[in-house]
Amino acid sequence: APPEGFSSIYILDAQKKTESYPEFLIINENNTFNVNVGVENHMGKKQSYEIQQKLTKDPILTFPINENPENIYFKTLESQEIWETLITTTINNPGNYSLVFELYLKDDAELVDENTKPVNYVLLNIEVDVRN
């Protein structure tokens, strides 16, 4: 049997590198930031994807995390196609956060079912503080 296909998701910083992720933010200084989120289709066929962007202060025990998405992104990719999108986020309150991007497979434009689990996810841990 041929190997089963897969889909990958990753985060790059604003310069499309892995060097300067937003880890420590100060409110009113740099609490608005950009990251690039990429998806790669290795399913061997055309595939539709949904990325759900979520922000949580809670410990993450399971996926999908129990937060409403702040943003939802949708795109259909050809086999082997790569989709990178620049995402701007603002965190307005101090605390320790996880910025999570959950990747879902979709059939055309139907909504993701409530109990659907993401096929993949990626997250950044971010500490937000106030300048003393």
N, C-alpha and C. Protein backbone atom coordinates (compact mmCIF):
# COMPACT_ATOMS: atom_id res chain seq x y z
N ALA A 1 0.85 -1.20 0.00
CA ALA A 1 0.00 0.00 0.00
C ALA A 1 0.88 1.24 0.00
N PRO A 2 0.46 2.29 -0.70
CA PRO A 2 1.26 3.52 -0.68
C PRO A 2 1.22 4.16 0.70
N PRO A 3 2.25 4.90 1.07
CA PRO A 3 2.25 5.54 2.39
C PRO A 3 1.11 6.55 2.48
N GLU A 4 0.56 6.67 3.68
CA GLU A 4 -0.56 7.58 3.88
C GLU A 4 -0.05 9.02 3.84
N GLY A 5 -0.87 9.91 3.29
CA GLY A 5 -0.48 11.30 3.20
C GLY A 5 -0.54 12.00 4.55
N PHE A 6 0.07 13.17 4.60
CA PHE A 6 0.04 13.95 5.82
C PHE A 6 0.01 15.43 5.48
N SER A 7 -0.31 16.23 6.47
CA SER A 7 -0.32 17.68 6.34
C SER A 7 0.50 18.26 7.47
N SER A 8 1.29 19.27 7.17
CA SER A 8 2.10 19.88 8.22
C SER A 8 1.75 21.35 8.37
N ILE A 9 1.96 21.85 9.59
CA ILE A 9 1.74 23.26 9.89
C ILE A 9 2.94 23.74 10.70
N TYR A 10 3.35 24.97 10.45
CA TYR A 10 4.51 25.51 11.17
C TYR A 10 4.36 27.01 11.34
N ILE A 11 5.14 27.55 12.29
CA ILE A 11 5.16 29.00 12.53
C ILE A 11 6.56 29.52 12.23
N LEU A 12 6.62 30.62 11.48
CA LEU A 12 7.86 31.36 11.29
C LEU A 12 7.66 32.76 11.85
N ASP A 13 8.76 33.41 12.18
CA ASP A 13 8.64 34.79 12.68
C ASP A 13 8.31 35.74 11.53
N ALA A 14 8.27 37.03 11.83
CA ALA A 14 7.84 38.02 10.83
C ALA A 14 8.79 38.06 9.64
N GLN A 15 10.04 37.64 9.83
CA GLN A 15 11.03 37.61 8.75
C GLN A 15 11.08 36.24 8.06
N LYS A 16 10.09 35.40 8.35
CA LYS A 16 10.03 34.04 7.79
C LYS A 16 11.23 33.20 8.20
N LYS A 17 11.68 33.39 9.42
CA LYS A 17 12.77 32.60 9.99
C LYS A 17 12.27 31.99 11.31
N THR A 18 13.17 31.24 11.96
CA THR A 18 12.81 30.63 13.24
C THR A 18 13.60 31.26 14.38
N GLU A 19 14.00 32.52 14.20
CA GLU A 19 14.96 33.12 15.14
C GLU A 19 14.33 34.06 16.16
N SER A 20 13.33 34.83 15.77
CA SER A 20 12.83 35.87 16.69
C SER A 20 11.33 35.76 16.87
N TYR A 21 10.92 34.66 17.49
CA TYR A 21 9.51 34.51 17.84
C TYR A 21 9.16 35.49 18.97
N PRO A 22 7.92 35.97 19.00
CA PRO A 22 7.51 36.85 20.11
C PRO A 22 7.32 36.03 21.38
N GLU A 23 8.25 36.14 22.32
CA GLU A 23 8.17 35.35 23.55
C GLU A 23 7.84 36.21 24.76
N PHE A 24 8.38 37.43 24.78
CA PHE A 24 8.14 38.36 25.89
C PHE A 24 7.63 39.67 25.30
N LEU A 25 6.42 40.04 25.67
CA LEU A 25 5.80 41.24 25.12
C LEU A 25 5.46 42.21 26.24
N ILE A 26 5.58 43.51 25.92
CA ILE A 26 5.22 44.57 26.86
C ILE A 26 4.01 45.31 26.28
N ILE A 27 2.98 45.46 27.11
CA ILE A 27 1.76 46.13 26.66
C ILE A 27 2.08 47.56 26.24
N ASN A 28 1.50 47.98 25.13
CA ASN A 28 1.68 49.31 24.52
C ASN A 28 3.07 49.51 23.93
N GLU A 29 3.91 48.47 23.90
CA GLU A 29 5.21 48.59 23.25
C GLU A 29 5.31 47.63 22.07
N ASN A 30 5.17 46.34 22.35
CA ASN A 30 5.29 45.36 21.26
C ASN A 30 4.27 44.24 21.38
N ASN A 31 3.11 44.56 21.96
CA ASN A 31 2.10 43.51 22.17
C ASN A 31 1.25 43.26 20.93
N THR A 32 1.52 43.98 19.84
CA THR A 32 0.98 43.60 18.52
C THR A 32 2.15 43.06 17.72
N PHE A 33 1.98 41.88 17.15
CA PHE A 33 3.11 41.22 16.49
C PHE A 33 2.61 40.40 15.31
N ASN A 34 3.55 40.04 14.45
CA ASN A 34 3.25 39.24 13.26
C ASN A 34 3.97 37.90 13.34
N VAL A 35 3.29 36.86 12.90
CA VAL A 35 3.94 35.58 12.64
C VAL A 35 3.44 35.07 11.30
N ASN A 36 4.24 34.24 10.67
CA ASN A 36 3.83 33.56 9.44
C ASN A 36 3.47 32.13 9.79
N VAL A 37 2.28 31.73 9.39
CA VAL A 37 1.85 30.35 9.61
C VAL A 37 1.81 29.66 8.25
N GLY A 38 2.47 28.52 8.18
CA GLY A 38 2.56 27.78 6.92
C GLY A 38 1.89 26.43 7.02
N VAL A 39 1.29 26.01 5.91
CA VAL A 39 0.68 24.69 5.80
C VAL A 39 1.23 24.04 4.54
N GLU A 40 1.59 22.77 4.65
CA GLU A 40 2.09 22.00 3.50
C GLU A 40 1.17 20.82 3.27
N ASN A 41 0.74 20.66 2.01
CA ASN A 41 -0.14 19.56 1.64
C ASN A 41 0.69 18.41 1.07
N HIS A 42 0.83 17.36 1.86
CA HIS A 42 1.50 16.13 1.41
C HIS A 42 0.49 14.97 1.38
N MET A 43 -0.77 15.30 1.08
CA MET A 43 -1.82 14.28 1.09
C MET A 43 -1.87 13.48 -0.22
N GLY A 44 -1.14 13.95 -1.23
CA GLY A 44 -1.18 13.28 -2.52
C GLY A 44 -2.38 13.64 -3.36
N LYS A 45 -3.15 14.63 -2.91
CA LYS A 45 -4.33 15.09 -3.66
C LYS A 45 -4.65 16.50 -3.21
N LYS A 46 -5.57 17.14 -3.95
CA LYS A 46 -6.05 18.46 -3.54
C LYS A 46 -6.75 18.33 -2.19
N GLN A 47 -6.51 19.30 -1.31
CA GLN A 47 -7.08 19.22 0.04
C GLN A 47 -7.45 20.62 0.52
N SER A 48 -8.61 20.72 1.17
CA SER A 48 -9.02 21.99 1.79
C SER A 48 -8.64 21.98 3.27
N TYR A 49 -8.21 23.15 3.74
CA TYR A 49 -7.73 23.28 5.11
C TYR A 49 -8.42 24.43 5.81
N GLU A 50 -8.53 24.29 7.13
CA GLU A 50 -8.95 25.40 7.98
C GLU A 50 -7.93 25.52 9.11
N ILE A 51 -7.47 26.75 9.33
CA ILE A 51 -6.62 27.04 10.48
C ILE A 51 -7.48 27.81 11.47
N GLN A 52 -7.54 27.33 12.71
CA GLN A 52 -8.22 28.07 13.77
C GLN A 52 -7.15 28.64 14.70
N GLN A 53 -7.18 29.96 14.83
CA GLN A 53 -6.24 30.66 15.71
C GLN A 53 -6.91 30.86 17.06
N LYS A 54 -6.25 30.38 18.12
CA LYS A 54 -6.83 30.47 19.46
C LYS A 54 -5.77 30.99 20.43
N LEU A 55 -6.26 31.65 21.49
CA LEU A 55 -5.37 32.16 22.53
C LEU A 55 -5.91 31.68 23.86
N THR A 56 -5.03 31.11 24.69
CA THR A 56 -5.50 30.59 25.98
C THR A 56 -4.46 30.87 27.06
N LYS A 57 -4.95 31.03 28.28
CA LYS A 57 -4.08 31.11 29.46
C LYS A 57 -4.09 29.78 30.20
N ASP A 58 -4.98 28.90 29.82
CA ASP A 58 -5.13 27.63 30.54
C ASP A 58 -4.07 26.63 30.10
N PRO A 59 -3.67 25.72 31.00
CA PRO A 59 -2.79 24.63 30.56
C PRO A 59 -3.49 23.82 29.47
N ILE A 60 -2.73 23.42 28.47
CA ILE A 60 -3.30 22.67 27.35
C ILE A 60 -3.13 21.18 27.63
N LEU A 61 -4.26 20.51 27.78
CA LEU A 61 -4.24 19.08 28.07
C LEU A 61 -4.65 18.25 26.87
N THR A 62 -5.45 18.83 26.00
CA THR A 62 -5.96 18.07 24.87
C THR A 62 -6.32 19.04 23.75
N PHE A 63 -6.42 18.51 22.55
CA PHE A 63 -6.82 19.31 21.40
C PHE A 63 -8.12 18.75 20.84
N PRO A 64 -9.02 19.58 20.30
CA PRO A 64 -8.89 21.03 20.22
C PRO A 64 -9.00 21.69 21.59
N ILE A 65 -8.32 22.82 21.78
CA ILE A 65 -8.42 23.50 23.06
C ILE A 65 -9.79 24.16 23.16
N ASN A 66 -10.23 24.34 24.38
CA ASN A 66 -11.60 24.80 24.65
C ASN A 66 -11.66 26.32 24.64
N GLU A 67 -11.37 26.92 23.51
CA GLU A 67 -11.47 28.36 23.33
C GLU A 67 -12.12 28.62 21.98
N ASN A 68 -12.87 29.70 21.89
CA ASN A 68 -13.40 30.10 20.59
C ASN A 68 -12.26 30.64 19.74
N PRO A 69 -12.26 30.33 18.45
CA PRO A 69 -11.19 30.85 17.59
C PRO A 69 -11.26 32.38 17.50
N GLU A 70 -10.09 33.01 17.57
CA GLU A 70 -10.02 34.46 17.35
C GLU A 70 -10.12 34.76 15.85
N ASN A 71 -9.54 33.90 15.06
CA ASN A 71 -9.60 34.03 13.60
C ASN A 71 -9.65 32.64 13.00
N ILE A 72 -10.25 32.55 11.81
CA ILE A 72 -10.29 31.30 11.06
C ILE A 72 -9.81 31.61 9.64
N TYR A 73 -8.91 30.78 9.15
CA TYR A 73 -8.36 30.94 7.80
C TYR A 73 -8.67 29.68 7.01
N PHE A 74 -8.98 29.86 5.73
CA PHE A 74 -9.42 28.73 4.91
C PHE A 74 -8.73 28.79 3.55
N LYS A 75 -8.24 27.65 3.09
CA LYS A 75 -7.65 27.61 1.75
C LYS A 75 -7.64 26.18 1.25
N THR A 76 -7.79 26.03 -0.06
CA THR A 76 -7.65 24.73 -0.71
C THR A 76 -6.29 24.69 -1.40
N LEU A 77 -5.53 23.64 -1.12
CA LEU A 77 -4.18 23.50 -1.68
C LEU A 77 -4.12 22.33 -2.64
N GLU A 78 -3.41 22.53 -3.72
CA GLU A 78 -3.09 21.42 -4.62
C GLU A 78 -2.07 20.51 -3.92
N SER A 79 -1.91 19.30 -4.43
CA SER A 79 -0.92 18.38 -3.88
C SER A 79 0.46 19.03 -3.90
N GLN A 80 1.16 18.95 -2.79
CA GLN A 80 2.51 19.50 -2.60
C GLN A 80 2.54 21.03 -2.51
N GLU A 81 1.38 21.68 -2.55
CA GLU A 81 1.37 23.14 -2.46
C GLU A 81 1.63 23.58 -1.02
N ILE A 82 2.26 24.75 -0.88
CA ILE A 82 2.55 25.34 0.42
C ILE A 82 1.79 26.66 0.53
N TRP A 83 1.17 26.88 1.68
CA TRP A 83 0.41 28.10 1.94
C TRP A 83 1.01 28.77 3.16
N GLU A 84 1.53 29.98 2.98
CA GLU A 84 2.01 30.76 4.11
C GLU A 84 1.19 32.03 4.21
N THR A 85 0.75 32.34 5.41
CA THR A 85 -0.06 33.54 5.61
C THR A 85 0.48 34.33 6.79
N LEU A 86 0.56 35.65 6.63
CA LEU A 86 1.03 36.54 7.69
C LEU A 86 -0.14 36.87 8.60
N ILE A 87 0.02 36.59 9.88
CA ILE A 87 -1.05 36.77 10.85
C ILE A 87 -0.60 37.79 11.89
N THR A 88 -1.42 38.82 12.08
CA THR A 88 -1.15 39.86 13.07
C THR A 88 -2.02 39.62 14.29
N THR A 89 -1.41 39.66 15.46
CA THR A 89 -2.11 39.39 16.71
C THR A 89 -1.76 40.47 17.73
N THR A 90 -2.74 40.83 18.55
CA THR A 90 -2.51 41.73 19.68
C THR A 90 -2.99 41.05 20.95
N ILE A 91 -2.16 41.10 21.99
CA ILE A 91 -2.55 40.59 23.31
C ILE A 91 -2.55 41.79 24.25
N ASN A 92 -3.72 42.10 24.82
CA ASN A 92 -3.88 43.35 25.57
C ASN A 92 -3.79 43.22 27.08
N ASN A 93 -3.69 42.01 27.59
CA ASN A 93 -3.67 41.83 29.03
C ASN A 93 -2.45 41.03 29.45
N PRO A 94 -1.87 41.37 30.62
CA PRO A 94 -0.69 40.63 31.08
C PRO A 94 -1.04 39.17 31.37
N GLY A 95 -0.04 38.33 31.29
CA GLY A 95 -0.23 36.92 31.63
C GLY A 95 0.64 36.03 30.77
N ASN A 96 0.53 34.75 31.04
CA ASN A 96 1.24 33.74 30.25
C ASN A 96 0.23 33.07 29.33
N TYR A 97 0.50 33.13 28.04
CA TYR A 97 -0.44 32.68 27.03
C TYR A 97 0.17 31.59 26.15
N SER A 98 -0.71 30.81 25.57
CA SER A 98 -0.35 29.95 24.44
C SER A 98 -1.15 30.44 23.24
N LEU A 99 -0.43 30.81 22.19
CA LEU A 99 -1.06 31.16 20.91
C LEU A 99 -1.03 29.90 20.07
N VAL A 100 -2.21 29.39 19.74
CA VAL A 100 -2.34 28.07 19.13
C VAL A 100 -2.95 28.21 17.74
N PHE A 101 -2.39 27.46 16.80
CA PHE A 101 -2.97 27.35 15.46
C PHE A 101 -3.29 25.88 15.23
N GLU A 102 -4.59 25.57 15.14
CA GLU A 102 -5.03 24.20 14.91
C GLU A 102 -5.36 24.02 13.44
N LEU A 103 -4.88 22.93 12.87
CA LEU A 103 -5.08 22.64 11.45
C LEU A 103 -6.13 21.55 11.29
N TYR A 104 -7.16 21.86 10.50
CA TYR A 104 -8.25 20.92 10.24
C TYR A 104 -8.31 20.61 8.75
N LEU A 105 -8.63 19.35 8.45
CA LEU A 105 -8.94 18.96 7.07
C LEU A 105 -10.42 19.22 6.83
N LYS A 106 -10.75 19.69 5.64
CA LYS A 106 -12.14 19.99 5.32
C LYS A 106 -12.52 19.41 3.98
N ASP A 107 -13.81 19.13 3.84
CA ASP A 107 -14.38 18.77 2.54
C ASP A 107 -15.05 20.01 1.99
N ASP A 108 -14.49 20.58 0.95
CA ASP A 108 -15.02 21.80 0.37
C ASP A 108 -15.18 22.86 1.46
N ALA A 109 -16.37 23.43 1.58
CA ALA A 109 -16.52 24.56 2.51
C ALA A 109 -17.35 24.21 3.74
N GLU A 110 -17.54 22.93 4.01
CA GLU A 110 -18.36 22.60 5.18
C GLU A 110 -17.62 22.99 6.45
N LEU A 111 -18.39 23.31 7.48
CA LEU A 111 -17.79 23.71 8.74
C LEU A 111 -17.19 22.50 9.43
N VAL A 112 -16.18 22.76 10.25
CA VAL A 112 -15.60 21.69 11.05
C VAL A 112 -16.62 21.30 12.12
N ASP A 113 -16.85 20.00 12.27
CA ASP A 113 -17.79 19.53 13.29
C ASP A 113 -17.25 19.84 14.68
N GLU A 114 -18.18 19.94 15.63
CA GLU A 114 -17.81 20.27 17.01
C GLU A 114 -16.77 19.31 17.57
N ASN A 115 -16.93 18.03 17.27
CA ASN A 115 -16.07 17.03 17.91
C ASN A 115 -14.85 16.68 17.06
N THR A 116 -14.66 17.41 15.97
CA THR A 116 -13.52 17.11 15.10
C THR A 116 -12.23 17.48 15.81
N LYS A 117 -11.25 16.60 15.69
CA LYS A 117 -9.94 16.91 16.25
C LYS A 117 -9.04 17.45 15.13
N PRO A 118 -8.19 18.42 15.46
CA PRO A 118 -7.26 18.90 14.44
C PRO A 118 -6.29 17.79 14.05
N VAL A 119 -5.87 17.79 12.78
CA VAL A 119 -4.90 16.80 12.34
C VAL A 119 -3.50 17.20 12.78
N ASN A 120 -3.32 18.46 13.08
CA ASN A 120 -2.02 18.94 13.50
C ASN A 120 -2.21 20.29 14.17
N TYR A 121 -1.21 20.73 14.88
CA TYR A 121 -1.29 22.03 15.55
C TYR A 121 0.13 22.51 15.82
N VAL A 122 0.23 23.80 16.10
CA VAL A 122 1.50 24.39 16.47
C VAL A 122 1.19 25.52 17.43
N LEU A 123 2.09 25.80 18.35
CA LEU A 123 1.79 26.85 19.32
C LEU A 123 3.05 27.60 19.73
N LEU A 124 2.84 28.81 20.20
CA LEU A 124 3.89 29.65 20.79
C LEU A 124 3.47 29.97 22.22
N ASN A 125 4.42 29.87 23.15
CA ASN A 125 4.17 30.33 24.51
C ASN A 125 4.68 31.77 24.62
N ILE A 126 3.81 32.66 25.10
CA ILE A 126 4.11 34.08 25.11
C ILE A 126 3.81 34.65 26.50
N GLU A 127 4.77 35.40 27.03
CA GLU A 127 4.59 36.08 28.30
C GLU A 127 4.35 37.55 28.03
N VAL A 128 3.27 38.09 28.59
CA VAL A 128 2.91 39.49 28.37
C VAL A 128 2.94 40.21 29.71
N ASP A 129 3.61 41.37 29.74
CA ASP A 129 3.77 42.10 30.99
C ASP A 129 3.53 43.59 30.74
N VAL A 130 3.51 44.34 31.83
CA VAL A 130 3.35 45.79 31.77
C VAL A 130 4.69 46.40 32.16
N ARG A 131 5.07 47.47 31.48
CA ARG A 131 6.32 48.16 31.82
C ARG A 131 6.17 48.81 33.20
N ASN A 132 7.07 48.51 34.11
CA ASN A 132 7.00 49.10 35.46
C ASN A 132 7.52 50.53 35.46
